[in-house]
Amino acid sequence: MDSNNVGYGFGEATAAAYPLYTNFSAFIQDEWHALPRLNASFGLRWDVNPAPGVTAGLMPYTVTGLDDLSTVSQTPAEPI
C-alpha cells in the first residue's frame, strides 16, 4: 500500500447496551493556624474508578495489542 491509499474500517453494534460505571471519590481538607500570619492548608483526595461493566447482556469488548498495530485484536464478549 502506498502512502496515498488509506484504509478505513467501520464497525457497528446492534445489541442493546446496559453499561454500569462505578466510582468512589473521597476528599478531606483541613486548615491550621500556627500564628496569626502563618496558616497551613492541606487536603487529601482518593479516587477509585474500576473498569466499566454491564447490568445485563454481554460484557464490553476489550482491545488488546495496541502497542503494535499489526497485533490489534478484540477479546470475545462474555455473558454475565
PDB file of N, CA and C in Angstrom:
ATOM      1  N   MET A   1       0.855  -1.178   0.000  1.00  0.00           N
ATOM      2  CA  MET A   1       0.000   0.000   0.000  1.00  0.00           C
ATOM      3  C   MET A   1       0.895   1.232   0.000  1.00  0.00           C
ATOM      4  N   ASP A   2       0.673   2.136  -0.943  1.00  0.00           N
ATOM      5  CA  ASP A   2       1.484   3.343  -0.939  1.00  0.00           C
ATOM      6  C   ASP A   2       0.887   4.378   0.006  1.00  0.00           C
ATOM      7  N   SER A   3       1.592   5.490   0.180  1.00  0.00           N
ATOM      8  CA  SER A   3       1.185   6.481   1.174  1.00  0.00           C
ATOM      9  C   SER A   3      -0.084   7.229   0.777  1.00  0.00           C
ATOM     10  N   ASN A   4      -0.535   7.138  -0.479  1.00  0.00           N
ATOM     11  CA  ASN A   4      -1.759   7.829  -0.905  1.00  0.00           C
ATOM     12  C   ASN A   4      -3.017   7.019  -0.620  1.00  0.00           C
ATOM     13  N   ASN A   5      -2.877   5.731  -0.442  1.00  0.00           N
ATOM     14  CA  ASN A   5      -4.031   4.883  -0.159  1.00  0.00           C
ATOM     15  C   ASN A   5      -4.163   4.699   1.344  1.00  0.00           C
ATOM     16  N   VAL A   6      -5.307   5.005   1.857  1.00  0.00           N
ATOM     17  CA  VAL A   6      -5.544   4.880   3.290  1.00  0.00           C
ATOM     18  C   VAL A   6      -6.696   3.919   3.489  1.00  0.00           C
ATOM     19  N   GLY A   7      -6.539   2.955   4.379  1.00  0.00           N
ATOM     20  CA  GLY A   7      -7.609   2.005   4.645  1.00  0.00           C
ATOM     21  C   GLY A   7      -8.435   2.436   5.841  1.00  0.00           C
ATOM     22  N   TYR A   8      -9.719   2.240   5.751  1.00  0.00           N
ATOM     23  CA  TYR A   8     -10.617   2.573   6.836  1.00  0.00           C
ATOM     24  C   TYR A   8     -11.407   1.332   7.219  1.00  0.00           C
ATOM     25  N   GLY A   9     -11.738   1.234   8.487  1.00  0.00           N
ATOM     26  CA  GLY A   9     -12.575   0.140   8.948  1.00  0.00           C
ATOM     27  C   GLY A   9     -13.735   0.685   9.750  1.00  0.00           C
ATOM     28  N   PHE A  10     -14.877   0.075   9.609  1.00  0.00           N
ATOM     29  CA  PHE A  10     -16.063   0.512  10.327  1.00  0.00           C
ATOM     30  C   PHE A  10     -16.665  -0.671  11.055  1.00  0.00           C
ATOM     31  N   GLY A  11     -17.216  -0.419  12.221  1.00  0.00           N
ATOM     32  CA  GLY A  11     -17.892  -1.460  12.981  1.00  0.00           C
ATOM     33  C   GLY A  11     -19.239  -0.952  13.459  1.00  0.00           C
ATOM     34  N   GLU A  12     -20.152  -1.865  13.660  1.00  0.00           N
ATOM     35  CA  GLU A  12     -21.489  -1.487  14.107  1.00  0.00           C
ATOM     36  C   GLU A  12     -21.975  -2.501  15.124  1.00  0.00           C
ATOM     37  N   ALA A  13     -22.587  -2.011  16.180  1.00  0.00           N
ATOM     38  CA  ALA A  13     -23.161  -2.882  17.202  1.00  0.00           C
ATOM     39  C   ALA A  13     -24.664  -2.662  17.230  1.00  0.00           C
ATOM     40  N   THR A  14     -25.409  -3.745  17.160  1.00  0.00           N
ATOM     41  CA  THR A  14     -26.861  -3.617  17.158  1.00  0.00           C
ATOM     42  C   THR A  14     -27.490  -4.150  18.438  1.00  0.00           C
ATOM     43  N   ALA A  15     -26.692  -4.703  19.332  1.00  0.00           N
ATOM     44  CA  ALA A  15     -27.222  -5.245  20.584  1.00  0.00           C
ATOM     45  C   ALA A  15     -27.486  -4.109  21.573  1.00  0.00           C
ATOM     46  N   ALA A  16     -28.483  -4.311  22.422  1.00  0.00           N
ATOM     47  CA  ALA A  16     -28.778  -3.321  23.457  1.00  0.00           C
ATOM     48  C   ALA A  16     -27.633  -3.288  24.463  1.00  0.00           C
ATOM     49  N   ALA A  17     -27.306  -2.107  24.932  1.00  0.00           N
ATOM     50  CA  ALA A  17     -26.210  -1.946  25.887  1.00  0.00           C
ATOM     51  C   ALA A  17     -26.766  -1.452  27.214  1.00  0.00           C
ATOM     52  N   TYR A  18     -26.287  -2.030  28.288  1.00  0.00           N
ATOM     53  CA  TYR A  18     -26.687  -1.645  29.644  1.00  0.00           C
ATOM     54  C   TYR A  18     -25.422  -1.416  30.469  1.00  0.00           C
ATOM     55  N   PRO A  19     -24.714  -0.310  30.207  1.00  0.00           N
ATOM     56  CA  PRO A  19     -23.425  -0.097  30.885  1.00  0.00           C
ATOM     57  C   PRO A  19     -23.593   0.214  32.370  1.00  0.00           C
ATOM     58  N   LEU A  20     -22.567  -0.142  33.126  1.00  0.00           N
ATOM     59  CA  LEU A  20     -22.522   0.118  34.553  1.00  0.00           C
ATOM     60  C   LEU A  20     -21.171   0.762  34.863  1.00  0.00           C
ATOM     61  N   TYR A  21     -21.207   2.006  35.316  1.00  0.00           N
ATOM     62  CA  TYR A  21     -19.994   2.732  35.685  1.00  0.00           C
ATOM     63  C   TYR A  21     -20.019   2.942  37.191  1.00  0.00           C
ATOM     64  N   THR A  22     -18.958   2.534  37.850  1.00  0.00           N
ATOM     65  CA  THR A  22     -18.862   2.653  39.294  1.00  0.00           C
ATOM     66  C   THR A  22     -17.643   3.502  39.633  1.00  0.00           C
ATOM     67  N   ASN A  23     -17.809   4.442  40.549  1.00  0.00           N
ATOM     68  CA  ASN A  23     -16.643   5.178  41.026  1.00  0.00           C
ATOM     69  C   ASN A  23     -16.901   5.642  42.447  1.00  0.00           C
ATOM     70  N   PHE A  24     -15.821   5.897  43.146  1.00  0.00           N
ATOM     71  CA  PHE A  24     -15.891   6.389  44.517  1.00  0.00           C
ATOM     72  C   PHE A  24     -14.802   7.429  44.691  1.00  0.00           C
ATOM     73  N   SER A  25     -15.172   8.571  45.246  1.00  0.00           N
ATOM     74  CA  SER A  25     -14.208   9.644  45.488  1.00  0.00           C
ATOM     75  C   SER A  25     -14.364  10.149  46.914  1.00  0.00           C
ATOM     76  N   ALA A  26     -13.254  10.432  47.551  1.00  0.00           N
ATOM     77  CA  ALA A  26     -13.275  10.987  48.911  1.00  0.00           C
ATOM     78  C   ALA A  26     -12.248  12.119  48.983  1.00  0.00           C
ATOM     79  N   PHE A  27     -12.581  13.156  49.743  1.00  0.00           N
ATOM     80  CA  PHE A  27     -11.682  14.298  49.883  1.00  0.00           C
ATOM     81  C   PHE A  27     -11.756  14.804  51.312  1.00  0.00           C
ATOM     82  N   ILE A  28     -10.603  15.056  51.908  1.00  0.00           N
ATOM     83  CA  ILE A  28     -10.511  15.592  53.275  1.00  0.00           C
ATOM     84  C   ILE A  28      -9.648  16.845  53.194  1.00  0.00           C
ATOM     85  N   GLN A  29     -10.078  17.885  53.868  1.00  0.00           N
ATOM     86  CA  GLN A  29      -9.319  19.132  53.867  1.00  0.00           C
ATOM     87  C   GLN A  29      -9.293  19.698  55.276  1.00  0.00           C
ATOM     88  N   ASP A  30      -8.185  20.332  55.631  1.00  0.00           N
ATOM     89  CA  ASP A  30      -8.068  20.962  56.945  1.00  0.00           C
ATOM     90  C   ASP A  30      -7.170  22.188  56.822  1.00  0.00           C
ATOM     91  N   GLU A  31      -7.341  23.093  57.748  1.00  0.00           N
ATOM     92  CA  GLU A  31      -6.527  24.297  57.781  1.00  0.00           C
ATOM     93  C   GLU A  31      -6.075  24.519  59.217  1.00  0.00           C
ATOM     94  N   TRP A  32      -4.800  24.834  59.377  1.00  0.00           N
ATOM     95  CA  TRP A  32      -4.228  25.000  60.707  1.00  0.00           C
ATOM     96  C   TRP A  32      -3.607  26.380  60.802  1.00  0.00           C
ATOM     97  N   HIS A  33      -3.949  27.106  61.852  1.00  0.00           N
ATOM     98  CA  HIS A  33      -3.413  28.447  62.083  1.00  0.00           C
ATOM     99  C   HIS A  33      -2.322  28.352  63.157  1.00  0.00           C
ATOM    100  N   ALA A  34      -1.071  28.367  62.744  1.00  0.00           N
ATOM    101  CA  ALA A  34       0.051  28.273  63.676  1.00  0.00           C
ATOM    102  C   ALA A  34       0.271  29.601  64.393  1.00  0.00           C
ATOM    103  N   LEU A  35       0.258  30.668  63.647  1.00  0.00           N
ATOM    104  CA  LEU A  35       0.427  32.029  64.157  1.00  0.00           C
ATOM    105  C   LEU A  35      -0.609  32.906  63.448  1.00  0.00           C
ATOM    106  N   PRO A  36      -0.857  34.102  63.930  1.00  0.00           N
ATOM    107  CA  PRO A  36      -1.830  34.960  63.244  1.00  0.00           C
ATOM    108  C   PRO A  36      -1.511  35.191  61.762  1.00  0.00           C
ATOM    109  N   ARG A  37      -0.231  35.173  61.375  1.00  0.00           N
ATOM    110  CA  ARG A  37       0.137  35.399  59.981  1.00  0.00           C
ATOM    111  C   ARG A  37       0.712  34.156  59.310  1.00  0.00           C
ATOM    112  N   LEU A  38       0.575  32.992  59.943  1.00  0.00           N
ATOM    113  CA  LEU A  38       1.093  31.745  59.371  1.00  0.00           C
ATOM    114  C   LEU A  38      -0.003  30.690  59.412  1.00  0.00           C
ATOM    115  N   ASN A  39      -0.466  30.296  58.236  1.00  0.00           N
ATOM    116  CA  ASN A  39      -1.512  29.275  58.114  1.00  0.00           C
ATOM    117  C   ASN A  39      -0.989  28.109  57.275  1.00  0.00           C
ATOM    118  N   ALA A  40      -1.475  26.927  57.579  1.00  0.00           N
ATOM    119  CA  ALA A  40      -1.175  25.742  56.770  1.00  0.00           C
ATOM    120  C   ALA A  40      -2.495  25.134  56.332  1.00  0.00           C
ATOM    121  N   SER A  41      -2.633  24.920  55.037  1.00  0.00           N
ATOM    122  CA  SER A  41      -3.840  24.326  54.481  1.00  0.00           C
ATOM    123  C   SER A  41      -3.434  23.082  53.703  1.00  0.00           C
ATOM    124  N   PHE A  42      -4.124  21.966  53.929  1.00  0.00           N
ATOM    125  CA  PHE A  42      -3.764  20.734  53.238  1.00  0.00           C
ATOM    126  C   PHE A  42      -5.014  19.923  52.950  1.00  0.00           C
ATOM    127  N   GLY A  43      -4.909  19.040  51.977  1.00  0.00           N
ATOM    128  CA  GLY A  43      -6.032  18.180  51.602  1.00  0.00           C
ATOM    129  C   GLY A  43      -5.530  16.858  51.068  1.00  0.00           C
ATOM    130  N   LEU A  44      -6.405  15.869  51.092  1.00  0.00           N
ATOM    131  CA  LEU A  44      -6.097  14.526  50.611  1.00  0.00           C
ATOM    132  C   LEU A  44      -7.280  14.038  49.796  1.00  0.00           C
ATOM    133  N   ARG A  45      -7.005  13.548  48.575  1.00  0.00           N
ATOM    134  CA  ARG A  45      -8.061  13.055  47.696  1.00  0.00           C
ATOM    135  C   ARG A  45      -7.773  11.609  47.334  1.00  0.00           C
ATOM    136  N   TRP A  46      -8.845  10.799  47.257  1.00  0.00           N
ATOM    137  CA  TRP A  46      -8.728   9.390  46.890  1.00  0.00           C
ATOM    138  C   TRP A  46      -9.836   9.068  45.904  1.00  0.00           C
ATOM    139  N   ASP A  47      -9.490   8.513  44.733  1.00  0.00           N
ATOM    140  CA  ASP A  47     -10.451   8.140  43.695  1.00  0.00           C
ATOM    141  C   ASP A  47     -10.273   6.679  43.332  1.00  0.00           C
ATOM    142  N   VAL A  48     -11.388   5.973  43.202  1.00  0.00           N
ATOM    143  CA  VAL A  48     -11.393   4.595  42.718  1.00  0.00           C
ATOM    144  C   VAL A  48     -12.327   4.554  41.517  1.00  0.00           C
ATOM    145  N   ASN A  49     -11.803   4.179  40.357  1.00  0.00           N
ATOM    146  CA  ASN A  49     -12.587   4.103  39.130  1.00  0.00           C
ATOM    147  C   ASN A  49     -12.308   2.767  38.440  1.00  0.00           C
ATOM    148  N   PRO A  50     -13.007   1.703  38.832  1.00  0.00           N
ATOM    149  CA  PRO A  50     -12.765   0.411  38.191  1.00  0.00           C
ATOM    150  C   PRO A  50     -13.265   0.400  36.749  1.00  0.00           C
ATOM    151  N   ALA A  51     -12.877  -0.608  36.006  1.00  0.00           N
ATOM    152  CA  ALA A  51     -13.303  -0.746  34.612  1.00  0.00           C
ATOM    153  C   ALA A  51     -14.821  -0.848  34.542  1.00  0.00           C
ATOM    154  N   PRO A  52     -15.440  -0.328  33.470  1.00  0.00           N
ATOM    155  CA  PRO A  52     -16.896  -0.411  33.353  1.00  0.00           C
ATOM    156  C   PRO A  52     -17.365  -1.852  33.203  1.00  0.00           C
ATOM    157  N   GLY A  53     -18.582  -2.077  33.610  1.00  0.00           N
ATOM    158  CA  GLY A  53     -19.205  -3.391  33.482  1.00  0.00           C
ATOM    159  C   GLY A  53     -20.568  -3.248  32.839  1.00  0.00           C
ATOM    160  N   VAL A  54     -21.415  -4.243  33.005  1.00  0.00           N
ATOM    161  CA  VAL A  54     -22.772  -4.200  32.462  1.00  0.00           C
ATOM    162  C   VAL A  54     -23.750  -4.686  33.513  1.00  0.00           C
ATOM    163  N   THR A  55     -24.999  -4.250  33.388  1.00  0.00           N
ATOM    164  CA  THR A  55     -26.046  -4.735  34.283  1.00  0.00           C
ATOM    165  C   THR A  55     -26.777  -5.911  33.672  1.00  0.00           C
ATOM    166  N   ALA A  56     -26.761  -6.035  32.351  1.00  0.00           N
ATOM    167  CA  ALA A  56     -27.393  -7.151  31.645  1.00  0.00           C
ATOM    168  C   ALA A  56     -26.742  -7.285  30.276  1.00  0.00           C
ATOM    169  N   GLY A  57     -26.774  -8.474  29.713  1.00  0.00           N
ATOM    170  CA  GLY A  57     -26.234  -8.678  28.368  1.00  0.00           C
ATOM    171  C   GLY A  57     -24.787  -9.110  28.398  1.00  0.00           C
ATOM    172  N   LEU A  58     -24.060  -8.759  27.342  1.00  0.00           N
ATOM    173  CA  LEU A  58     -22.663  -9.153  27.194  1.00  0.00           C
ATOM    174  C   LEU A  58     -21.736  -8.117  27.803  1.00  0.00           C
ATOM    175  N   MET A  59     -20.601  -8.575  28.300  1.00  0.00           N
ATOM    176  CA  MET A  59     -19.569  -7.667  28.791  1.00  0.00           C
ATOM    177  C   MET A  59     -19.003  -6.889  27.602  1.00  0.00           C
ATOM    178  N   PRO A  60     -18.509  -5.686  27.841  1.00  0.00           N
ATOM    179  CA  PRO A  60     -17.923  -4.903  26.734  1.00  0.00           C
ATOM    180  C   PRO A  60     -16.687  -5.587  26.165  1.00  0.00           C
ATOM    181  N   TYR A  61     -16.390  -5.296  24.910  1.00  0.00           N
ATOM    182  CA  TYR A  61     -15.182  -5.823  24.282  1.00  0.00           C
ATOM    183  C   TYR A  61     -13.952  -5.126  24.845  1.00  0.00           C
ATOM    184  N   THR A  62     -12.841  -5.833  24.838  1.00  0.00           N
ATOM    185  CA  THR A  62     -11.562  -5.267  25.241  1.00  0.00           C
ATOM    186  C   THR A  62     -10.615  -5.361  24.059  1.00  0.00           C
ATOM    187  N   VAL A  63      -9.920  -4.282  23.773  1.00  0.00           N
ATOM    188  CA  VAL A  63      -8.963  -4.260  22.671  1.00  0.00           C
ATOM    189  C   VAL A  63      -7.586  -4.542  23.254  1.00  0.00           C
ATOM    190  N   THR A  64      -6.847  -5.471  22.623  1.00  0.00           N
ATOM    191  CA  THR A  64      -5.502  -5.816  23.073  1.00  0.00           C
ATOM    192  C   THR A  64      -4.511  -5.611  21.933  1.00  0.00           C
ATOM    193  N   GLY A  65      -3.245  -5.524  22.253  1.00  0.00           N
ATOM    194  CA  GLY A  65      -2.187  -5.413  21.255  1.00  0.00           C
ATOM    195  C   GLY A  65      -2.037  -4.033  20.661  1.00  0.00           C
ATOM    196  N   LEU A  66      -2.371  -2.984  21.418  1.00  0.00           N
ATOM    197  CA  LEU A  66      -2.294  -1.632  20.879  1.00  0.00           C
ATOM    198  C   LEU A  66      -0.866  -1.119  20.726  1.00  0.00           C
ATOM    199  N   ASP A  67       0.120  -1.812  21.288  1.00  0.00           N
ATOM    200  CA  ASP A  67       1.498  -1.361  21.158  1.00  0.00           C
ATOM    201  C   ASP A  67       2.037  -1.579  19.741  1.00  0.00           C
ATOM    202  N   ASP A  68       1.438  -2.489  18.971  1.00  0.00           N
ATOM    203  CA  ASP A  68       1.830  -2.737  17.580  1.00  0.00           C
ATOM    204  C   ASP A  68       0.546  -2.908  16.770  1.00  0.00           C
ATOM    205  N   LEU A  69       0.298  -2.013  15.811  1.00  0.00           N
ATOM    206  CA  LEU A  69      -0.973  -2.038  15.077  1.00  0.00           C
ATOM    207  C   LEU A  69      -1.207  -3.334  14.311  1.00  0.00           C
ATOM    208  N   SER A  70      -0.163  -4.091  14.016  1.00  0.00           N
ATOM    209  CA  SER A  70      -0.355  -5.359  13.314  1.00  0.00           C
ATOM    210  C   SER A  70      -0.891  -6.446  14.236  1.00  0.00           C
ATOM    211  N   THR A  71      -0.883  -6.220  15.557  1.00  0.00           N
ATOM    212  CA  THR A  71      -1.362  -7.233  16.502  1.00  0.00           C
ATOM    213  C   THR A  71      -2.643  -6.829  17.217  1.00  0.00           C
ATOM    214  N   VAL A  72      -3.300  -5.735  16.802  1.00  0.00           N
ATOM    215  CA  VAL A  72      -4.526  -5.280  17.469  1.00  0.00           C
ATOM    216  C   VAL A  72      -5.625  -6.315  17.270  1.00  0.00           C
ATOM    217  N   SER A  73      -6.310  -6.654  18.359  1.00  0.00           N
ATOM    218  CA  SER A  73      -7.425  -7.595  18.284  1.00  0.00           C
ATOM    219  C   SER A  73      -8.403  -7.318  19.423  1.00  0.00           C
ATOM    220  N   GLN A  74      -9.596  -7.888  19.301  1.00  0.00           N
ATOM    221  CA  GLN A  74     -10.612  -7.774  20.339  1.00  0.00           C
ATOM    222  C   GLN A  74     -10.765  -9.101  21.036  1.00  0.00           C
ATOM    223  N   THR A  75     -10.949  -9.034  22.340  1.00  0.00           N
ATOM    224  CA  THR A  75     -11.249 -10.267  23.069  1.00  0.00           C
ATOM    225  C   THR A  75     -12.730 -10.539  22.920  1.00  0.00           C
ATOM    226  N   PRO A  76     -13.145 -11.780  22.959  1.00  0.00           N
ATOM    227  CA  PRO A  76     -14.575 -12.076  22.799  1.00  0.00           C
ATOM    228  C   PRO A  76     -15.405 -11.564  23.972  1.00  0.00           C
ATOM    229  N   ALA A  77     -16.631 -11.167  23.677  1.00  0.00           N
ATOM    230  CA  ALA A  77     -17.554 -10.718  24.726  1.00  0.00           C
ATOM    231  C   ALA A  77     -18.021 -11.929  25.513  1.00  0.00           C
ATOM    232  N   GLU A  78     -18.154 -11.756  26.813  1.00  0.00           N
ATOM    233  CA  GLU A  78     -18.583 -12.849  27.685  1.00  0.00           C
ATOM    234  C   GLU A  78     -19.939 -12.506  28.277  1.00  0.00           C
ATOM    235  N   PRO A  79     -20.853 -13.470  28.358  1.00  0.00           N
ATOM    236  CA  PRO A  79     -22.129 -13.212  29.021  1.00  0.00           C
ATOM    237  C   PRO A  79     -21.926 -13.065  30.515  1.00  0.00           C
ATOM    238  N   ILE A  80     -22.772 -12.267  31.157  1.00  0.00           N
ATOM    239  CA  ILE A  80     -22.636 -12.102  32.613  1.00  0.00           C
ATOM    240  C   ILE A  80     -23.396 -13.185  33.343  1.00  0.00           C
TER     241      ILE A  80
END
